[in-house]
Amino acid sequence: MDLDQLAALRTPEGSAALDAAARVAGGDPLTAVAALRSAGLPAGLASAALTQAELRRRAVGKFGPAAAGMFLTRAGLEQATRGVVAARRADRLRAAGVRTLADLGCGLGADALAAARAGIRVYGVEADPVTAAMAAANAEAAGLAELFTVECGDATAFDVGRVDGVFCDPARRRAGTGRRIFDPNAYSPPWDFVVGLAERVPHTVVKVAPGIDHALVPAGAEAEWVSVDGDLVEAALWCGRLAEVPHRATLLRGKEGPPVNASGIGRVPCNQLTGSGDVEAAVGPTRRFLYDPDPAVVRAHLVAELAETLGATLADPSIAYLYADAPTPTPFARCLEVTDVLPFSLKRLRALLRERRVGRVEILKRGSALEPEKLRRDLRLAGNEPASLVLTRVAGAPTVLVCRPVG
């Protein structure tokens, strides 16, 4: 999409085209385009409207009902923060006293809109003209144009002295190709500029990929890993006055979308585990109950802290499964009851499952090179009972645990 197409979509004719596209989106693209063309829409407008309708349909999982009025790009949607994560971040910034915020590299405006809803004045900067125009359109559609304004320009040139907080989500994909960038110095803005913001602004937050090398975390910063409904979605570095603990794992529920109270400020419930991230859990034998920690806990290196709350141990120092003698309710891990512990043998496992009349299995794995779907086929299951199989290592040896979930 270019600026002319975006402008056309914001006219009454374009709005009608978007409504028509929403009714036919989700099916065969050629059929959908033909339906719009038969309604008398110009080819370019029909194509642009259908692209937006498809992107809006995909965006519902991130933004909820608000997606229906947003303007989006494929790359921007992929990197955009989920609504529930952005709402919680805005809550934390507001609670820390941030009243004016620069969003450097604001993209489509997901984080800026959440901050504006929390009552923060946001100045967005975006290098791509079309994306910047879309962010401004999204602010207008949300009724937040007075609190969130966007300028197209170089984020590194913005005068951060105008604000008391900065949020930066550097682009981690190459423009034009969409390919991931793994070298932080090739981010836009570059990594040196990003981490240097903490020295210039007392409240600085940097969104990073959840797979960030821990060695890249600046000294004194808080590193937070966030999961939504069990999926690890992002990490963030809270710097300056915002840093509270070395490491944090935050677990959110996103299916309901971010709750909003009467004042328009979200109040996002979450579960959090904190710690230093450098403690090692004790190692012992397998026990009756296995805990599979949330990926945010694992990535934050907080498995040892979780083990302490559960009275649990590892069975292998390099595998993040925990074992305990009793089930303890926790939001930070899924609990399974272990019924059998076997050195891995396809023949022996197949015989055991046949004897138990198991016909449906979920397969979890850590520390195993086996491919779950190939194993599922090789087991040749033929029963009606369910089971959970955990492929792992115990004291370095390939092992399979037959389990059943604990409610």
Protein backbone atom coordinates (compact mmCIF):
# COMPACT_ATOMS: atom_id res chain seq x y z
CA MET A 1 0.00 0.00 0.00
CA ASP A 2 1.12 3.54 -0.71
CA LEU A 3 -0.01 6.87 0.70
CA ASP A 4 -2.51 7.45 -2.14
CA GLN A 5 -4.19 4.09 -1.50
CA LEU A 6 -4.37 4.80 2.23
CA ALA A 7 -5.92 8.19 1.53
CA ALA A 8 -8.46 6.55 -0.77
CA LEU A 9 -9.45 4.05 1.92
CA ARG A 10 -10.13 6.91 4.34
CA THR A 11 -12.72 8.50 2.05
CA PRO A 12 -16.46 7.61 2.29
CA GLU A 13 -16.02 5.45 -0.81
CA GLY A 14 -13.04 3.74 0.78
CA SER A 15 -14.96 3.15 4.00
CA ALA A 16 -17.72 1.47 2.00
CA ALA A 17 -15.11 -0.63 0.22
CA LEU A 18 -13.66 -1.75 3.55
CA ASP A 19 -17.12 -2.73 4.79
CA ALA A 20 -17.73 -4.73 1.62
CA ALA A 21 -14.32 -6.37 1.84
CA ALA A 22 -14.94 -7.40 5.45
CA ARG A 23 -18.02 -9.32 4.33
CA VAL A 24 -16.12 -11.42 1.77
CA ALA A 25 -12.70 -11.74 3.46
CA GLY A 26 -11.52 -15.14 4.63
CA GLY A 27 -12.39 -17.11 1.51
CA ASP A 28 -10.79 -17.50 -1.88
CA PRO A 29 -8.97 -14.22 -2.70
CA LEU A 30 -9.85 -14.29 -6.42
CA THR A 31 -13.52 -14.84 -5.65
CA ALA A 32 -13.44 -12.01 -3.10
CA VAL A 33 -11.82 -9.59 -5.56
CA ALA A 34 -14.37 -10.57 -8.23
CA ALA A 35 -17.22 -9.89 -5.80
CA LEU A 36 -15.87 -6.42 -5.02
CA ARG A 37 -15.29 -5.65 -8.70
CA SER A 38 -18.83 -6.73 -9.54
CA ALA A 39 -20.04 -4.21 -6.95
CA GLY A 40 -18.45 -1.48 -9.06
CA LEU A 41 -15.29 -0.86 -7.03
CA PRO A 42 -12.14 0.17 -8.96
CA ALA A 43 -9.53 -2.60 -9.10
CA GLY A 44 -6.93 -0.77 -6.99
CA LEU A 45 -9.41 0.20 -4.29
CA ALA A 46 -10.89 -3.32 -4.19
CA SER A 47 -7.46 -4.89 -3.80
CA ALA A 48 -6.36 -2.46 -1.07
CA ALA A 49 -9.64 -2.89 0.83
CA LEU A 50 -9.43 -6.67 0.67
CA THR A 51 -5.82 -6.63 1.92
CA GLN A 52 -6.87 -4.51 4.89
CA ALA A 53 -9.85 -6.77 5.61
CA GLU A 54 -7.63 -9.85 5.65
CA LEU A 55 -5.07 -8.17 7.92
CA ARG A 56 -7.80 -6.94 10.26
CA ARG A 57 -9.19 -10.46 10.49
CA ARG A 58 -5.76 -11.77 11.50
CA ALA A 59 -5.23 -8.88 13.91
CA VAL A 60 -8.23 -9.76 16.09
CA GLY A 61 -6.05 -12.21 18.03
CA LYS A 62 -3.69 -9.36 18.95
CA PHE A 63 -5.98 -6.37 19.29
CA GLY A 64 -9.46 -7.78 19.86
CA PRO A 65 -12.44 -5.79 18.51
CA ALA A 66 -10.25 -2.70 17.98
CA ALA A 67 -8.67 -4.47 14.97
CA ALA A 68 -11.83 -3.80 12.93
CA GLY A 69 -10.97 -0.10 12.62
CA MET A 70 -7.19 -0.26 12.27
CA PHE A 71 -4.97 0.23 9.23
CA LEU A 72 -2.26 -2.40 9.03
CA THR A 73 0.72 -3.76 7.13
CA ARG A 74 1.84 -7.38 7.21
CA ALA A 75 5.26 -6.56 8.68
CA GLY A 76 3.80 -4.07 11.13
CA LEU A 77 1.19 -6.53 12.36
CA GLU A 78 3.79 -9.22 12.91
CA GLN A 79 5.99 -7.00 15.08
CA ALA A 80 3.13 -5.17 16.83
CA THR A 81 2.68 -5.81 20.54
CA ARG A 82 -0.40 -7.76 21.60
CA GLY A 83 -3.08 -5.58 23.14
CA VAL A 84 -2.99 -7.23 26.57
CA VAL A 85 0.82 -6.86 26.76
CA ALA A 86 0.74 -3.22 25.65
CA ALA A 87 -2.02 -2.44 28.17
CA ARG A 88 -0.05 -3.92 31.05
CA ARG A 89 3.09 -2.03 30.01
CA ALA A 90 1.10 1.22 29.87
CA ASP A 91 -0.24 0.53 33.37
CA ARG A 92 3.27 0.10 34.69
CA LEU A 93 4.55 3.25 33.01
CA ARG A 94 1.63 5.28 34.34
CA ALA A 95 2.14 3.88 37.87
CA ALA A 96 5.82 4.88 37.66
CA GLY A 97 4.85 8.49 37.06
CA VAL A 98 5.39 8.71 33.30
CA ARG A 99 3.16 11.42 31.82
CA THR A 100 4.88 12.12 28.49
CA LEU A 101 6.33 9.31 26.38
CA ALA A 102 8.32 9.08 23.16
CA ASP A 103 7.62 5.93 21.16
CA LEU A 104 10.68 5.68 18.93
CA GLY A 105 9.85 3.42 16.02
CA CYS A 106 6.16 3.37 16.86
CA GLY A 107 5.14 1.19 13.92
CA LEU A 108 1.37 0.95 13.64
CA GLY A 109 1.00 2.43 17.13
CA ALA A 110 -0.07 -0.54 19.26
CA ASP A 111 2.01 0.46 22.29
CA ALA A 112 1.42 4.17 21.83
CA LEU A 113 -2.35 3.67 21.71
CA ALA A 114 -2.27 1.65 24.93
CA ALA A 115 -0.22 4.36 26.63
CA ALA A 116 -2.60 7.05 25.38
CA ARG A 117 -5.56 5.09 26.74
CA ALA A 118 -3.77 5.14 30.11
CA GLY A 119 -3.68 8.95 29.94
CA ILE A 120 -0.06 9.35 28.81
CA ARG A 121 0.80 11.94 26.15
CA VAL A 122 2.66 10.05 23.42
CA TYR A 123 4.92 11.38 20.66
CA GLY A 124 5.43 8.69 18.04
CA VAL A 125 8.31 8.63 15.56
CA GLU A 126 8.27 6.28 12.57
CA ALA A 127 10.71 6.20 9.65
CA ASP A 128 8.37 4.67 7.05
CA PRO A 129 5.90 7.26 5.66
CA VAL A 130 3.05 4.79 5.04
CA THR A 131 3.37 3.19 8.46
CA ALA A 132 3.52 6.62 10.12
CA ALA A 133 0.36 7.67 8.29
CA MET A 134 -1.36 4.45 9.36
CA ALA A 135 -0.39 5.02 12.99
CA ALA A 136 -1.89 8.51 12.84
CA ALA A 137 -5.04 7.08 11.26
CA ASN A 138 -5.25 4.46 13.99
CA ALA A 139 -4.99 7.16 16.66
CA GLU A 140 -7.82 9.07 15.01
CA ALA A 141 -9.99 5.96 14.69
CA ALA A 142 -9.47 5.22 18.40
CA GLY A 143 -10.38 8.78 19.39
CA LEU A 144 -6.88 9.37 20.75
CA ALA A 145 -5.46 11.83 18.22
CA GLU A 146 -5.00 14.50 20.90
CA LEU A 147 -2.90 12.17 23.07
CA PHE A 148 -0.95 10.33 20.34
CA THR A 149 0.64 12.22 17.47
CA VAL A 150 3.08 10.82 14.93
CA GLU A 151 5.92 12.32 12.97
CA CYS A 152 7.71 10.62 10.11
CA GLY A 153 11.43 10.81 10.69
CA ASP A 154 14.59 9.42 12.20
CA ALA A 155 14.07 8.16 15.74
CA THR A 156 17.67 8.96 16.63
CA ALA A 157 17.04 12.65 15.92
CA PHE A 158 14.09 13.03 18.30
CA ASP A 159 14.71 15.39 21.25
CA VAL A 160 14.12 13.06 24.21
CA GLY A 161 14.48 16.02 26.54
CA ARG A 162 10.83 16.78 25.75
CA VAL A 163 9.57 13.66 27.56
CA ASP A 164 9.97 11.85 30.86
CA GLY A 165 9.76 8.35 29.38
CA VAL A 166 10.87 6.50 26.24
CA PHE A 167 9.64 3.28 24.68
CA CYS A 168 11.61 1.79 21.81
CA ASP A 169 10.81 -1.27 19.74
CA PRO A 170 13.64 -1.43 17.18
CA ALA A 171 12.80 -2.99 13.82
CA ARG A 172 14.17 -6.52 13.70
CA ARG A 173 13.24 -7.31 10.10
CA ARG A 174 14.82 -5.99 6.92
CA ALA A 175 12.70 -3.50 5.02
CA GLY A 176 11.42 -4.93 1.75
CA THR A 177 12.32 -8.56 2.47
CA GLY A 178 10.77 -9.15 5.88
CA ARG A 179 13.73 -11.32 6.88
CA ARG A 180 14.68 -11.44 10.54
CA ILE A 181 17.76 -9.51 11.67
CA PHE A 182 19.85 -11.38 14.23
CA ASP A 183 22.64 -8.82 14.64
CA PRO A 184 21.43 -6.16 17.12
CA ASN A 185 23.73 -3.59 15.55
CA ALA A 186 21.69 -3.95 12.34
CA TYR A 187 18.42 -3.08 14.12
CA SER A 188 16.69 0.20 13.31
CA PRO A 189 17.43 2.22 15.41
CA PRO A 190 20.79 0.48 16.07
CA TRP A 191 21.41 -1.28 19.36
CA ASP A 192 24.03 1.17 20.65
CA PHE A 193 21.54 4.02 20.35
CA VAL A 194 18.76 1.98 21.94
CA VAL A 195 20.66 0.95 25.07
CA GLY A 196 22.10 4.46 25.35
CA LEU A 197 18.59 5.88 25.86
CA ALA A 198 18.65 4.76 29.51
CA GLU A 199 21.45 7.24 30.19
CA ARG A 200 19.38 10.10 28.76
CA VAL A 201 15.84 9.39 29.97
CA PRO A 202 15.02 8.27 33.54
CA HIS A 203 12.22 5.94 32.42
CA THR A 204 13.24 3.78 29.44
CA VAL A 205 11.67 0.57 28.16
CA VAL A 206 13.03 -1.43 25.24
CA LYS A 207 11.07 -4.22 23.59
CA VAL A 208 13.31 -7.06 22.42
CA ALA A 209 12.91 -10.54 20.98
CA PRO A 210 12.28 -13.23 23.64
CA GLY A 211 15.36 -15.08 22.44
CA ILE A 212 17.67 -12.19 23.34
CA ASP A 213 21.13 -13.20 24.50
CA HIS A 214 21.26 -12.55 28.26
CA ALA A 215 24.71 -11.06 27.77
CA LEU A 216 23.11 -8.16 25.87
CA VAL A 217 21.03 -7.06 28.86
CA PRO A 218 22.55 -3.78 30.11
CA ALA A 219 23.92 -3.69 33.64
CA GLY A 220 21.29 -2.57 36.12
CA ALA A 221 18.36 -3.18 33.79
CA GLU A 222 15.42 -5.43 34.58
CA ALA A 223 14.87 -8.14 31.96
CA GLU A 224 11.27 -9.30 31.67
CA TRP A 225 9.92 -12.20 29.61
CA VAL A 226 6.21 -12.22 28.84
CA SER A 227 3.93 -15.10 27.88
CA VAL A 228 0.29 -14.90 26.84
CA ASP A 229 -1.87 -17.99 27.31
CA GLY A 230 1.30 -20.08 27.57
CA ASP A 231 3.00 -18.68 24.44
CA LEU A 232 6.24 -16.73 24.92
CA VAL A 233 5.63 -13.52 22.96
CA GLU A 234 8.28 -10.95 23.88
CA ALA A 235 10.88 -9.64 26.27
CA ALA A 236 11.42 -6.12 27.55
CA LEU A 237 14.25 -4.26 29.25
CA TRP A 238 13.12 -1.87 31.98
CA CYS A 239 15.89 0.65 32.59
CA GLY A 240 16.70 3.49 34.96
CA ARG A 241 14.05 4.13 37.59
CA LEU A 242 11.83 1.44 36.10
CA ALA A 243 14.19 -1.44 36.99
CA GLU A 244 12.90 -3.25 40.07
CA VAL A 245 14.39 -6.78 39.95
CA PRO A 246 17.05 -8.47 37.81
CA HIS A 247 14.69 -10.93 36.07
CA ARG A 248 10.93 -11.20 35.82
CA ALA A 249 8.58 -13.72 34.19
CA THR A 250 5.12 -12.29 33.51
CA LEU A 251 2.21 -14.54 32.57
CA LEU A 252 -0.87 -12.97 31.01
CA ARG A 253 -4.19 -14.22 29.75
CA GLY A 254 -5.05 -12.75 26.37
CA LYS A 255 -8.18 -14.49 25.12
CA GLU A 256 -10.47 -12.01 26.86
CA GLY A 257 -8.44 -8.99 25.70
CA PRO A 258 -7.20 -6.20 27.97
CA PRO A 259 -9.83 -5.15 30.52
CA VAL A 260 -10.65 -1.44 30.57
CA ASN A 261 -12.29 0.39 33.45
CA ALA A 262 -14.62 3.38 33.29
CA SER A 263 -11.74 5.87 33.07
CA GLY A 264 -10.30 4.12 30.04
CA ILE A 265 -7.23 2.79 31.85
CA GLY A 266 -6.58 -0.92 31.54
CA ARG A 267 -6.06 -3.03 34.63
CA VAL A 268 -4.37 -6.18 33.43
CA PRO A 269 -4.22 -9.11 35.88
CA CYS A 270 -1.06 -11.16 35.66
CA ASN A 271 1.11 -13.64 37.52
CA GLN A 272 4.76 -12.75 38.04
CA LEU A 273 7.82 -14.61 39.24
CA THR A 274 11.01 -12.67 39.98
CA GLY A 275 14.57 -13.45 40.92
CA SER A 276 18.22 -13.05 40.08
CA GLY A 277 18.20 -15.49 37.18
CA ASP A 278 21.52 -17.04 38.22
CA VAL A 279 20.41 -19.62 40.84
CA GLU A 280 20.71 -23.32 40.07
CA ALA A 281 18.04 -25.80 41.14
CA ALA A 282 18.93 -28.96 43.03
CA VAL A 283 19.14 -32.21 41.05
CA GLY A 284 17.51 -35.45 42.17
CA PRO A 285 15.60 -38.50 40.88
CA THR A 286 12.32 -38.45 38.99
CA ARG A 287 9.35 -38.30 41.32
CA ARG A 288 5.61 -38.80 41.15
CA PHE A 289 4.72 -35.38 39.76
CA LEU A 290 6.32 -33.52 36.86
CA TYR A 291 6.06 -29.76 36.34
CA ASP A 292 6.46 -28.24 32.89
CA PRO A 293 7.32 -24.55 33.55
CA ASP A 294 5.84 -21.76 31.48
CA PRO A 295 8.28 -20.70 28.73
CA ALA A 296 8.60 -17.22 30.26
CA VAL A 297 9.88 -18.83 33.48
CA VAL A 298 12.37 -20.95 31.54
CA ARG A 299 13.65 -18.10 29.39
CA ALA A 300 13.99 -15.82 32.42
CA HIS A 301 16.20 -18.45 34.10
CA LEU A 302 13.80 -18.61 37.06
CA VAL A 303 13.30 -22.38 37.15
CA ALA A 304 15.26 -22.62 40.43
CA GLU A 305 13.02 -20.00 42.05
CA LEU A 306 9.96 -21.95 40.90
CA ALA A 307 11.46 -25.21 42.17
CA GLU A 308 11.84 -23.71 45.63
CA THR A 309 8.14 -22.82 45.80
CA LEU A 310 7.16 -26.34 44.73
CA GLY A 311 9.67 -28.33 46.77
CA ALA A 312 10.86 -29.73 43.45
CA THR A 313 14.14 -30.78 41.84
CA LEU A 314 15.53 -31.34 38.37
CA ALA A 315 16.24 -34.83 37.09
CA ASP A 316 18.87 -33.46 34.69
CA PRO A 317 20.73 -30.17 35.29
CA SER A 318 20.22 -29.04 31.67
CA ILE A 319 16.51 -29.89 31.31
CA ALA A 320 13.84 -27.56 32.72
CA TYR A 321 11.39 -30.21 33.93
CA LEU A 322 10.79 -30.24 37.68
CA TYR A 323 9.81 -33.22 39.83
CA ALA A 324 8.07 -33.31 43.21
CA ASP A 325 6.33 -35.78 45.53
CA ALA A 326 3.08 -33.83 45.77
CA PRO A 327 1.07 -31.60 43.42
CA THR A 328 1.10 -27.92 44.33
CA PRO A 329 -1.19 -25.49 42.49
CA THR A 330 0.85 -22.91 40.58
CA PRO A 331 0.17 -20.61 37.63
CA PHE A 332 3.80 -20.93 36.54
CA ALA A 333 3.83 -24.56 35.41
CA ARG A 334 1.61 -27.35 34.19
CA CYS A 335 1.50 -30.42 36.43
CA LEU A 336 1.48 -34.05 35.24
CA GLU A 337 1.37 -37.25 37.27
CA VAL A 338 4.07 -39.68 36.21
CA THR A 339 2.85 -43.28 35.90
CA ASP A 340 5.87 -44.84 34.16
CA VAL A 341 9.53 -43.96 33.63
CA LEU A 342 11.22 -45.88 30.80
CA PRO A 343 14.61 -45.75 29.11
CA PHE A 344 13.54 -44.82 25.61
CA SER A 345 12.70 -47.86 23.48
CA LEU A 346 10.11 -47.63 20.73
CA LYS A 347 9.25 -51.32 21.02
CA ARG A 348 8.82 -51.22 24.78
CA LEU A 349 6.83 -47.98 24.70
CA ARG A 350 4.54 -49.29 21.96
CA ALA A 351 3.84 -52.43 23.98
CA LEU A 352 3.05 -50.46 27.13
CA LEU A 353 0.63 -48.14 25.34
CA ARG A 354 -1.06 -51.08 23.65
CA GLU A 355 -1.48 -52.76 27.03
CA ARG A 356 -3.03 -49.54 28.44
CA ARG A 357 -5.28 -49.21 25.36
CA VAL A 358 -3.93 -45.75 24.65
CA GLY A 359 -5.13 -44.27 21.37
CA ARG A 360 -4.51 -40.55 21.87
CA VAL A 361 -1.28 -38.97 23.08
CA GLU A 362 0.09 -35.50 23.52
CA ILE A 363 3.86 -35.43 23.20
CA LEU A 364 6.03 -32.97 25.13
CA LYS A 365 9.76 -32.84 24.78
CA ARG A 366 12.87 -31.15 26.13
CA GLY A 367 16.35 -32.44 25.47
CA SER A 368 15.19 -35.01 22.91
CA ALA A 369 15.99 -35.12 19.20
CA LEU A 370 12.91 -37.23 18.41
CA GLU A 371 10.25 -35.73 16.14
CA PRO A 372 6.88 -35.94 17.91
CA GLU A 373 4.78 -36.51 14.79
CA LYS A 374 7.06 -39.26 13.49
CA LEU A 375 6.96 -40.94 16.90
CA ARG A 376 3.17 -40.68 16.92
CA ARG A 377 3.03 -42.53 13.59
CA ASP A 378 5.56 -45.13 14.69
CA LEU A 379 3.57 -45.93 17.85
CA ARG A 380 0.62 -47.17 15.74
CA LEU A 381 -1.87 -46.33 18.47
CA ALA A 382 -5.12 -48.29 18.48
CA GLY A 383 -7.09 -47.63 21.67
CA ASN A 384 -9.43 -45.06 23.15
CA GLU A 385 -7.54 -43.96 26.29
CA PRO A 386 -5.47 -40.72 26.45
CA ALA A 387 -1.91 -40.30 27.75
CA SER A 388 0.81 -37.68 27.88
CA LEU A 389 4.31 -38.66 26.79
CA VAL A 390 7.30 -36.63 27.92
CA LEU A 391 10.49 -37.13 25.91
CA THR A 392 13.49 -35.96 27.89
CA ARG A 393 16.76 -36.93 29.53
CA VAL A 394 17.29 -38.16 33.06
CA ALA A 395 20.87 -38.00 34.30
CA GLY A 396 21.90 -37.67 30.65
CA ALA A 397 20.02 -40.77 29.43
CA PRO A 398 17.19 -40.57 26.84
CA THR A 399 13.99 -41.25 28.76
CA VAL A 400 10.25 -41.30 28.15
CA LEU A 401 7.75 -40.61 30.92
CA VAL A 402 4.15 -41.74 30.56
CA CYS A 403 1.92 -39.26 32.39
CA ARG A 404 -1.58 -38.01 32.94
CA PRO A 405 -2.54 -34.36 33.54
CA VAL A 406 -3.33 -33.13 37.03
CA GLY A 407 -6.37 -30.88 37.11
